Amino acid sequence: MQDIPWNFPLVLIVSLIVASSFAAGCTSPATSSPSPLETTGEYGTSASGTVERVEVYHFHGNQQCASCITVGDLAEKTVNANFKDELASGRLVFAHINAELPENRSLAEKYEVTGSSLWIGVYDSSGFHKEQDIRVWYLIDNEDAYMTYLSGIISNRLTWDFS
């Protein structure tokens, strides 16, 4: 009889968690640490640096894991707590978007959504720019850090700071 490696229970548990996450439709980052923002498109070089509108969208599917729900809930809480005037004026837009619904297909395609995710879209004088924020997934266990981080990103985008 072969000996079972000492780490077999850990490997089995991790495998079951990963398998159940995919079965539930969750495609959030699990173990890697990519750059916080994945940007698509070039930001404009307008001397005035005028941002017309910023969109913050929490895309999800029909079924969400606890982490997916938390990413969206904390994003909504952040926006509502820190950007009331911008929301009221329409300069900032926030929404939870079920990417699996036919009526949301064109928006999901515009953002090139592939799973549960938080996206920031910026409209400026040179056009539309989008970025997926991956760092929020690593902050869901610390509400204050999440809200501080996302507030900073949104504030930067509203003032044409893309650093």
N, C-alpha and C. Protein backbone atom coordinates (compact mmCIF):
# COMPACT_ATOMS: atom_id res chain seq x y z
N MET A 1 0.83 -1.18 0.00
CA MET A 1 0.00 0.00 0.00
C MET A 1 0.88 1.24 0.00
N GLN A 2 0.53 2.21 -0.82
CA GLN A 2 1.32 3.44 -0.92
C GLN A 2 0.96 4.37 0.24
N ASP A 3 1.98 5.15 0.66
CA ASP A 3 1.75 6.16 1.68
C ASP A 3 1.09 7.37 1.05
N ILE A 4 0.15 7.96 1.76
CA ILE A 4 -0.50 9.18 1.30
C ILE A 4 0.37 10.35 1.74
N PRO A 5 0.70 11.27 0.81
CA PRO A 5 1.54 12.42 1.18
C PRO A 5 0.88 13.22 2.32
N TRP A 6 1.71 13.84 3.13
CA TRP A 6 1.23 14.60 4.29
C TRP A 6 0.31 15.75 3.90
N ASN A 7 0.50 16.30 2.70
CA ASN A 7 -0.29 17.46 2.30
C ASN A 7 -1.52 17.08 1.48
N PHE A 8 -1.84 15.81 1.40
CA PHE A 8 -2.99 15.37 0.62
C PHE A 8 -4.29 16.03 1.05
N PRO A 9 -4.61 16.11 2.37
CA PRO A 9 -5.88 16.77 2.75
C PRO A 9 -5.94 18.23 2.29
N LEU A 10 -4.84 18.96 2.38
CA LEU A 10 -4.82 20.35 1.96
C LEU A 10 -5.05 20.47 0.46
N VAL A 11 -4.37 19.63 -0.31
CA VAL A 11 -4.54 19.63 -1.77
C VAL A 11 -5.98 19.30 -2.14
N LEU A 12 -6.57 18.34 -1.45
CA LEU A 12 -7.95 17.96 -1.72
C LEU A 12 -8.91 19.11 -1.41
N ILE A 13 -8.72 19.78 -0.28
CA ILE A 13 -9.59 20.88 0.10
C ILE A 13 -9.49 22.02 -0.90
N VAL A 14 -8.27 22.40 -1.27
CA VAL A 14 -8.07 23.49 -2.24
C VAL A 14 -8.71 23.12 -3.57
N SER A 15 -8.54 21.90 -4.00
CA SER A 15 -9.13 21.45 -5.27
C SER A 15 -10.65 21.54 -5.23
N LEU A 16 -11.25 21.15 -4.11
CA LEU A 16 -12.70 21.21 -3.99
C LEU A 16 -13.21 22.65 -4.00
N ILE A 17 -12.48 23.56 -3.33
CA ILE A 17 -12.87 24.97 -3.31
C ILE A 17 -12.82 25.56 -4.71
N VAL A 18 -11.73 25.31 -5.42
CA VAL A 18 -11.59 25.83 -6.79
C VAL A 18 -12.68 25.26 -7.69
N ALA A 19 -12.93 23.97 -7.59
CA ALA A 19 -13.95 23.35 -8.43
C ALA A 19 -15.34 23.90 -8.13
N SER A 20 -15.64 24.10 -6.84
CA SER A 20 -16.96 24.62 -6.50
C SER A 20 -17.12 26.06 -6.92
N SER A 21 -16.04 26.84 -6.89
CA SER A 21 -16.11 28.23 -7.34
C SER A 21 -16.47 28.30 -8.82
N PHE A 22 -15.84 27.48 -9.63
CA PHE A 22 -16.14 27.50 -11.05
C PHE A 22 -17.54 26.95 -11.32
N ALA A 23 -17.96 25.96 -10.55
CA ALA A 23 -19.30 25.41 -10.74
C ALA A 23 -20.36 26.44 -10.41
N ALA A 24 -20.06 27.34 -9.48
CA ALA A 24 -21.03 28.37 -9.10
C ALA A 24 -20.97 29.58 -10.02
N GLY A 25 -20.06 29.57 -10.99
CA GLY A 25 -19.98 30.67 -11.93
C GLY A 25 -19.04 31.78 -11.50
N CYS A 26 -18.27 31.56 -10.46
CA CYS A 26 -17.36 32.58 -9.96
C CYS A 26 -16.05 32.51 -10.72
N THR A 27 -15.60 33.63 -11.27
CA THR A 27 -14.33 33.66 -11.99
C THR A 27 -13.43 34.73 -11.41
N SER A 28 -13.58 35.00 -10.11
CA SER A 28 -12.74 36.01 -9.47
C SER A 28 -11.32 35.49 -9.34
N PRO A 29 -10.33 36.39 -9.26
CA PRO A 29 -8.96 35.94 -9.10
C PRO A 29 -8.82 35.14 -7.81
N ALA A 30 -8.11 34.02 -7.87
CA ALA A 30 -8.01 33.18 -6.69
C ALA A 30 -6.64 33.27 -6.02
N THR A 31 -5.58 33.10 -6.77
CA THR A 31 -4.30 33.00 -6.10
C THR A 31 -3.22 33.92 -6.66
N SER A 32 -3.37 34.37 -7.87
CA SER A 32 -2.31 35.20 -8.44
C SER A 32 -2.48 36.64 -8.01
N SER A 33 -1.44 37.42 -8.15
CA SER A 33 -1.49 38.84 -7.81
C SER A 33 -1.13 39.69 -9.02
N PRO A 34 -2.08 39.83 -9.96
CA PRO A 34 -1.81 40.64 -11.13
C PRO A 34 -1.77 42.11 -10.75
N SER A 35 -1.42 42.93 -11.70
CA SER A 35 -1.43 44.37 -11.44
C SER A 35 -2.84 44.79 -11.06
N PRO A 36 -2.97 45.80 -10.19
CA PRO A 36 -4.29 46.18 -9.69
C PRO A 36 -5.29 46.57 -10.76
N LEU A 37 -4.84 47.26 -11.78
CA LEU A 37 -5.75 47.69 -12.82
C LEU A 37 -5.26 47.18 -14.16
N GLU A 38 -6.16 46.59 -14.90
CA GLU A 38 -5.84 46.20 -16.27
C GLU A 38 -6.55 47.19 -17.17
N THR A 39 -5.78 48.02 -17.84
CA THR A 39 -6.35 49.10 -18.63
C THR A 39 -6.41 48.71 -20.10
N THR A 40 -7.52 49.04 -20.72
CA THR A 40 -7.69 48.81 -22.14
C THR A 40 -7.88 50.16 -22.80
N GLY A 41 -7.14 50.42 -23.86
CA GLY A 41 -7.29 51.69 -24.57
C GLY A 41 -6.31 52.72 -24.05
N GLU A 42 -6.15 53.77 -24.80
CA GLU A 42 -5.24 54.85 -24.43
C GLU A 42 -6.03 56.00 -23.84
N TYR A 43 -5.51 56.58 -22.79
CA TYR A 43 -6.14 57.75 -22.22
C TYR A 43 -5.76 58.96 -23.04
N GLY A 44 -6.67 59.90 -23.11
CA GLY A 44 -6.47 61.11 -23.90
C GLY A 44 -5.36 61.99 -23.36
N THR A 45 -4.93 62.91 -24.17
CA THR A 45 -3.87 63.83 -23.79
C THR A 45 -4.38 65.26 -23.80
N SER A 46 -5.66 65.41 -23.54
CA SER A 46 -6.27 66.73 -23.54
C SER A 46 -5.60 67.63 -22.52
N ALA A 47 -5.25 68.83 -22.92
CA ALA A 47 -4.61 69.77 -22.01
C ALA A 47 -5.54 70.14 -20.87
N SER A 48 -6.83 70.16 -21.13
CA SER A 48 -7.78 70.52 -20.08
C SER A 48 -8.03 69.37 -19.13
N GLY A 49 -7.77 68.13 -19.57
CA GLY A 49 -7.99 66.98 -18.72
C GLY A 49 -9.44 66.87 -18.27
N THR A 50 -10.36 67.03 -19.19
CA THR A 50 -11.77 67.04 -18.83
C THR A 50 -12.37 65.65 -18.91
N VAL A 51 -12.83 65.17 -17.77
CA VAL A 51 -13.55 63.91 -17.73
C VAL A 51 -15.03 64.23 -17.75
N GLU A 52 -15.72 63.69 -18.72
CA GLU A 52 -17.15 63.95 -18.85
C GLU A 52 -17.97 63.07 -17.93
N ARG A 53 -17.60 61.78 -17.82
CA ARG A 53 -18.36 60.84 -17.00
C ARG A 53 -17.47 59.66 -16.63
N VAL A 54 -17.72 59.12 -15.44
CA VAL A 54 -17.05 57.91 -14.98
C VAL A 54 -18.13 56.90 -14.64
N GLU A 55 -17.95 55.68 -15.13
CA GLU A 55 -18.88 54.59 -14.83
C GLU A 55 -18.16 53.57 -13.97
N VAL A 56 -18.81 53.11 -12.93
CA VAL A 56 -18.29 52.03 -12.10
C VAL A 56 -19.34 50.93 -12.14
N TYR A 57 -18.99 49.79 -12.74
CA TYR A 57 -19.94 48.71 -12.90
C TYR A 57 -19.43 47.44 -12.24
N HIS A 58 -20.30 46.84 -11.45
CA HIS A 58 -20.04 45.52 -10.88
C HIS A 58 -20.77 44.53 -11.77
N PHE A 59 -20.02 43.81 -12.60
CA PHE A 59 -20.61 42.80 -13.48
C PHE A 59 -20.63 41.46 -12.74
N HIS A 60 -21.72 40.72 -12.93
CA HIS A 60 -21.86 39.42 -12.28
C HIS A 60 -22.76 38.55 -13.14
N GLY A 61 -22.86 37.30 -12.76
CA GLY A 61 -23.73 36.36 -13.44
C GLY A 61 -24.98 36.09 -12.64
N ASN A 62 -25.74 35.09 -13.07
CA ASN A 62 -26.97 34.72 -12.37
C ASN A 62 -26.69 34.21 -10.96
N GLN A 63 -25.59 33.49 -10.81
CA GLN A 63 -25.19 32.96 -9.51
C GLN A 63 -23.90 33.64 -9.09
N GLN A 64 -23.85 34.06 -7.83
CA GLN A 64 -22.65 34.73 -7.33
C GLN A 64 -22.18 34.05 -6.05
N CYS A 65 -20.88 33.95 -5.90
CA CYS A 65 -20.31 33.47 -4.65
C CYS A 65 -20.28 34.64 -3.66
N ALA A 66 -19.94 34.36 -2.42
CA ALA A 66 -19.91 35.40 -1.39
C ALA A 66 -18.92 36.51 -1.74
N SER A 67 -17.78 36.16 -2.30
CA SER A 67 -16.77 37.17 -2.66
C SER A 67 -17.28 38.08 -3.77
N CYS A 68 -17.97 37.52 -4.74
CA CYS A 68 -18.52 38.32 -5.84
C CYS A 68 -19.55 39.32 -5.31
N ILE A 69 -20.38 38.87 -4.42
CA ILE A 69 -21.39 39.74 -3.82
C ILE A 69 -20.73 40.85 -3.03
N THR A 70 -19.69 40.49 -2.26
CA THR A 70 -19.01 41.48 -1.43
C THR A 70 -18.33 42.55 -2.27
N VAL A 71 -17.69 42.16 -3.37
CA VAL A 71 -17.05 43.15 -4.26
C VAL A 71 -18.07 44.19 -4.71
N GLY A 72 -19.24 43.74 -5.12
CA GLY A 72 -20.28 44.66 -5.57
C GLY A 72 -20.87 45.49 -4.46
N ASP A 73 -21.15 44.85 -3.32
CA ASP A 73 -21.74 45.58 -2.20
C ASP A 73 -20.81 46.67 -1.67
N LEU A 74 -19.52 46.36 -1.55
CA LEU A 74 -18.57 47.35 -1.05
C LEU A 74 -18.35 48.48 -2.07
N ALA A 75 -18.39 48.15 -3.34
CA ALA A 75 -18.27 49.19 -4.37
C ALA A 75 -19.47 50.14 -4.28
N GLU A 76 -20.66 49.58 -4.14
CA GLU A 76 -21.86 50.41 -4.02
C GLU A 76 -21.80 51.28 -2.76
N LYS A 77 -21.39 50.69 -1.66
CA LYS A 77 -21.28 51.44 -0.41
C LYS A 77 -20.27 52.58 -0.54
N THR A 78 -19.14 52.30 -1.19
CA THR A 78 -18.10 53.31 -1.39
C THR A 78 -18.63 54.48 -2.21
N VAL A 79 -19.27 54.18 -3.31
CA VAL A 79 -19.78 55.22 -4.20
C VAL A 79 -20.86 56.06 -3.50
N ASN A 80 -21.78 55.39 -2.84
CA ASN A 80 -22.88 56.10 -2.18
C ASN A 80 -22.39 56.96 -1.01
N ALA A 81 -21.35 56.52 -0.31
CA ALA A 81 -20.84 57.26 0.84
C ALA A 81 -19.97 58.44 0.45
N ASN A 82 -19.27 58.34 -0.66
CA ASN A 82 -18.24 59.34 -0.98
C ASN A 82 -18.49 60.19 -2.23
N PHE A 83 -19.49 59.86 -3.02
CA PHE A 83 -19.67 60.56 -4.28
C PHE A 83 -21.13 60.92 -4.54
N LYS A 84 -21.82 61.39 -3.53
CA LYS A 84 -23.24 61.73 -3.66
C LYS A 84 -23.48 62.79 -4.73
N ASP A 85 -22.69 63.86 -4.71
CA ASP A 85 -22.87 64.95 -5.68
C ASP A 85 -22.62 64.47 -7.10
N GLU A 86 -21.56 63.68 -7.29
CA GLU A 86 -21.22 63.18 -8.62
C GLU A 86 -22.30 62.23 -9.14
N LEU A 87 -22.85 61.41 -8.25
CA LEU A 87 -23.95 60.52 -8.64
C LEU A 87 -25.18 61.33 -9.02
N ALA A 88 -25.51 62.33 -8.21
CA ALA A 88 -26.70 63.15 -8.47
C ALA A 88 -26.60 63.90 -9.79
N SER A 89 -25.39 64.34 -10.13
CA SER A 89 -25.21 65.09 -11.38
C SER A 89 -25.11 64.20 -12.61
N GLY A 90 -24.90 62.90 -12.40
CA GLY A 90 -24.73 61.98 -13.52
C GLY A 90 -23.30 61.89 -14.01
N ARG A 91 -22.40 62.63 -13.37
CA ARG A 91 -20.98 62.57 -13.75
C ARG A 91 -20.36 61.24 -13.34
N LEU A 92 -20.95 60.60 -12.33
CA LEU A 92 -20.54 59.27 -11.90
C LEU A 92 -21.76 58.38 -11.95
N VAL A 93 -21.58 57.18 -12.51
CA VAL A 93 -22.66 56.21 -12.61
C VAL A 93 -22.18 54.93 -11.94
N PHE A 94 -23.05 54.32 -11.14
CA PHE A 94 -22.75 53.02 -10.56
C PHE A 94 -23.93 52.10 -10.79
N ALA A 95 -23.64 50.83 -11.07
CA ALA A 95 -24.71 49.84 -11.20
C ALA A 95 -24.14 48.43 -11.05
N HIS A 96 -25.01 47.54 -10.57
CA HIS A 96 -24.75 46.10 -10.61
C HIS A 96 -25.35 45.62 -11.93
N ILE A 97 -24.58 44.94 -12.73
CA ILE A 97 -25.03 44.51 -14.06
C ILE A 97 -24.92 42.99 -14.16
N ASN A 98 -26.04 42.33 -14.37
CA ASN A 98 -26.03 40.89 -14.62
C ASN A 98 -25.67 40.69 -16.09
N ALA A 99 -24.43 40.28 -16.33
CA ALA A 99 -23.91 40.14 -17.69
C ALA A 99 -24.55 38.99 -18.46
N GLU A 100 -25.28 38.12 -17.76
CA GLU A 100 -25.92 37.00 -18.43
C GLU A 100 -27.29 37.35 -19.02
N LEU A 101 -27.83 38.50 -18.64
CA LEU A 101 -29.14 38.88 -19.16
C LEU A 101 -29.00 39.48 -20.57
N PRO A 102 -29.89 39.10 -21.48
CA PRO A 102 -29.80 39.60 -22.86
C PRO A 102 -29.80 41.13 -22.95
N GLU A 103 -30.57 41.80 -22.09
CA GLU A 103 -30.64 43.25 -22.16
C GLU A 103 -29.33 43.94 -21.75
N ASN A 104 -28.41 43.20 -21.13
CA ASN A 104 -27.12 43.77 -20.72
C ASN A 104 -25.97 43.33 -21.62
N ARG A 105 -26.28 42.58 -22.65
CA ARG A 105 -25.24 42.01 -23.51
C ARG A 105 -24.35 43.07 -24.15
N SER A 106 -24.93 44.15 -24.66
CA SER A 106 -24.10 45.15 -25.35
C SER A 106 -23.15 45.85 -24.37
N LEU A 107 -23.61 46.12 -23.16
CA LEU A 107 -22.73 46.74 -22.17
C LEU A 107 -21.62 45.78 -21.75
N ALA A 108 -21.95 44.52 -21.55
CA ALA A 108 -20.94 43.52 -21.20
C ALA A 108 -19.92 43.37 -22.33
N GLU A 109 -20.37 43.43 -23.56
CA GLU A 109 -19.45 43.34 -24.70
C GLU A 109 -18.58 44.59 -24.79
N LYS A 110 -19.15 45.75 -24.52
CA LYS A 110 -18.38 47.00 -24.55
C LYS A 110 -17.22 46.93 -23.57
N TYR A 111 -17.48 46.36 -22.38
CA TYR A 111 -16.44 46.25 -21.36
C TYR A 111 -15.62 44.96 -21.49
N GLU A 112 -16.00 44.09 -22.41
CA GLU A 112 -15.33 42.81 -22.63
C GLU A 112 -15.29 41.97 -21.36
N VAL A 113 -16.44 41.88 -20.71
CA VAL A 113 -16.57 41.15 -19.45
C VAL A 113 -16.49 39.66 -19.69
N THR A 114 -15.73 38.97 -18.84
CA THR A 114 -15.62 37.52 -18.93
C THR A 114 -16.08 36.81 -17.66
N GLY A 115 -16.44 37.55 -16.64
CA GLY A 115 -16.90 36.96 -15.39
C GLY A 115 -17.19 38.06 -14.39
N SER A 116 -17.43 37.64 -13.16
CA SER A 116 -17.69 38.61 -12.11
C SER A 116 -16.50 39.55 -11.98
N SER A 117 -16.77 40.87 -12.01
CA SER A 117 -15.67 41.83 -12.07
C SER A 117 -16.16 43.23 -11.76
N LEU A 118 -15.19 44.10 -11.44
CA LEU A 118 -15.48 45.51 -11.22
C LEU A 118 -14.74 46.30 -12.29
N TRP A 119 -15.47 47.08 -13.05
CA TRP A 119 -14.91 47.84 -14.16
C TRP A 119 -15.14 49.33 -13.95
N ILE A 120 -14.19 50.12 -14.42
CA ILE A 120 -14.30 51.57 -14.39
C ILE A 120 -14.16 52.07 -15.83
N GLY A 121 -15.14 52.81 -16.28
CA GLY A 121 -15.11 53.38 -17.62
C GLY A 121 -15.04 54.90 -17.51
N VAL A 122 -14.19 55.49 -18.32
CA VAL A 122 -14.01 56.94 -18.30
C VAL A 122 -14.26 57.49 -19.70
N TYR A 123 -15.10 58.52 -19.76
CA TYR A 123 -15.35 59.23 -21.00
C TYR A 123 -14.67 60.59 -20.89
N ASP A 124 -13.76 60.87 -21.82
CA ASP A 124 -13.11 62.18 -21.84
C ASP A 124 -13.13 62.70 -23.28
N SER A 125 -12.44 63.78 -23.51
CA SER A 125 -12.48 64.40 -24.84
C SER A 125 -11.92 63.49 -25.94
N SER A 126 -11.13 62.49 -25.58
CA SER A 126 -10.57 61.60 -26.60
C SER A 126 -11.36 60.31 -26.76
N GLY A 127 -12.42 60.12 -25.97
CA GLY A 127 -13.23 58.93 -26.14
C GLY A 127 -13.48 58.17 -24.85
N PHE A 128 -13.62 56.86 -24.98
CA PHE A 128 -13.96 55.95 -23.88
C PHE A 128 -12.76 55.09 -23.54
N HIS A 129 -12.51 54.94 -22.24
CA HIS A 129 -11.41 54.11 -21.75
C HIS A 129 -11.95 53.25 -20.63
N LYS A 130 -11.54 51.99 -20.62
CA LYS A 130 -12.05 51.08 -19.58
C LYS A 130 -10.89 50.38 -18.89
N GLU A 131 -11.14 50.02 -17.64
CA GLU A 131 -10.15 49.27 -16.89
C GLU A 131 -10.86 48.38 -15.90
N GLN A 132 -10.35 47.17 -15.77
CA GLN A 132 -10.87 46.24 -14.79
C GLN A 132 -10.03 46.39 -13.53
N ASP A 133 -10.68 46.58 -12.40
CA ASP A 133 -9.95 46.71 -11.14
C ASP A 133 -9.92 45.36 -10.45
N ILE A 134 -8.76 44.77 -10.40
CA ILE A 134 -8.58 43.45 -9.80
C ILE A 134 -8.22 43.54 -8.32
N ARG A 135 -7.61 44.63 -7.93
CA ARG A 135 -7.14 44.75 -6.54
C ARG A 135 -8.28 44.65 -5.53
N VAL A 136 -9.47 45.08 -5.90
CA VAL A 136 -10.58 45.05 -4.95
C VAL A 136 -10.84 43.64 -4.40
N TRP A 137 -10.54 42.63 -5.20
CA TRP A 137 -10.76 41.25 -4.74
C TRP A 137 -9.89 40.93 -3.54
N TYR A 138 -8.73 41.54 -3.47
CA TYR A 138 -7.79 41.26 -2.38
C TYR A 138 -8.07 42.11 -1.16
N LEU A 139 -9.05 43.00 -1.23
CA LEU A 139 -9.38 43.90 -0.13
C LEU A 139 -10.74 43.62 0.48
N ILE A 140 -11.44 42.60 0.04
CA ILE A 140 -12.81 42.38 0.49
C ILE A 140 -12.91 42.01 1.97
N ASP A 141 -11.83 41.59 2.58
CA ASP A 141 -11.86 41.26 4.00
C ASP A 141 -11.56 42.46 4.88
N ASN A 142 -11.32 43.62 4.27
CA ASN A 142 -11.01 44.83 5.02
C ASN A 142 -11.81 45.98 4.41
N GLU A 143 -13.00 46.20 4.93
CA GLU A 143 -13.91 47.18 4.34
C GLU A 143 -13.29 48.58 4.27
N ASP A 144 -12.61 49.01 5.32
CA ASP A 144 -12.00 50.34 5.31
C ASP A 144 -10.95 50.47 4.22
N ALA A 145 -10.10 49.46 4.09
CA ALA A 145 -9.05 49.49 3.06
C ALA A 145 -9.68 49.48 1.66
N TYR A 146 -10.72 48.67 1.48
CA TYR A 146 -11.41 48.59 0.20
C TYR A 146 -11.98 49.96 -0.17
N MET A 147 -12.71 50.55 0.77
CA MET A 147 -13.38 51.82 0.48
C MET A 147 -12.36 52.95 0.26
N THR A 148 -11.29 52.97 1.03
CA THR A 148 -10.25 53.99 0.85
C THR A 148 -9.60 53.84 -0.51
N TYR A 149 -9.25 52.60 -0.87
CA TYR A 149 -8.61 52.33 -2.16
C TYR A 149 -9.53 52.74 -3.32
N LEU A 150 -10.77 52.23 -3.32
CA LEU A 150 -11.66 52.50 -4.45
C LEU A 150 -12.04 53.98 -4.53
N SER A 151 -12.22 54.63 -3.39
CA SER A 151 -12.50 56.08 -3.40
C SER A 151 -11.36 56.84 -4.06
N GLY A 152 -10.13 56.44 -3.77
CA GLY A 152 -8.97 57.08 -4.38
C GLY A 152 -8.94 56.90 -5.89
N ILE A 153 -9.22 55.69 -6.34
CA ILE A 153 -9.23 55.41 -7.78
C ILE A 153 -10.32 56.25 -8.47
N ILE A 154 -11.51 56.25 -7.91
CA ILE A 154 -12.61 57.00 -8.53
C ILE A 154 -12.31 58.49 -8.51
N SER A 155 -11.81 59.01 -7.40
CA SER A 155 -11.44 60.44 -7.33
C SER A 155 -10.42 60.79 -8.40
N ASN A 156 -9.43 59.93 -8.56
CA ASN A 156 -8.41 60.16 -9.58
C ASN A 156 -9.03 60.20 -10.97
N ARG A 157 -9.91 59.26 -11.27
CA ARG A 157 -10.51 59.21 -12.60
C ARG A 157 -11.38 60.44 -12.85
N LEU A 158 -12.08 60.89 -11.83
CA LEU A 158 -12.93 62.08 -11.99
C LEU A 158 -12.12 63.35 -12.24
N THR A 159 -10.89 63.35 -11.80
CA THR A 159 -10.02 64.53 -11.98
C THR A 159 -8.99 64.31 -13.09
N TRP A 160 -9.23 63.33 -13.91
CA TRP A 160 -8.36 63.03 -15.06
C TRP A 160 -6.96 62.61 -14.64
N ASP A 161 -6.87 61.91 -13.52
CA ASP A 161 -5.59 61.37 -13.06
C ASP A 161 -5.66 59.87 -13.29
N PHE A 162 -4.86 59.38 -14.21
CA PHE A 162 -4.90 57.97 -14.58
C PHE A 162 -3.68 57.20 -14.08
N SER A 163 -3.07 57.72 -13.03
CA SER A 163 -1.90 57.02 -12.47
C SER A 163 -2.32 55.90 -11.56
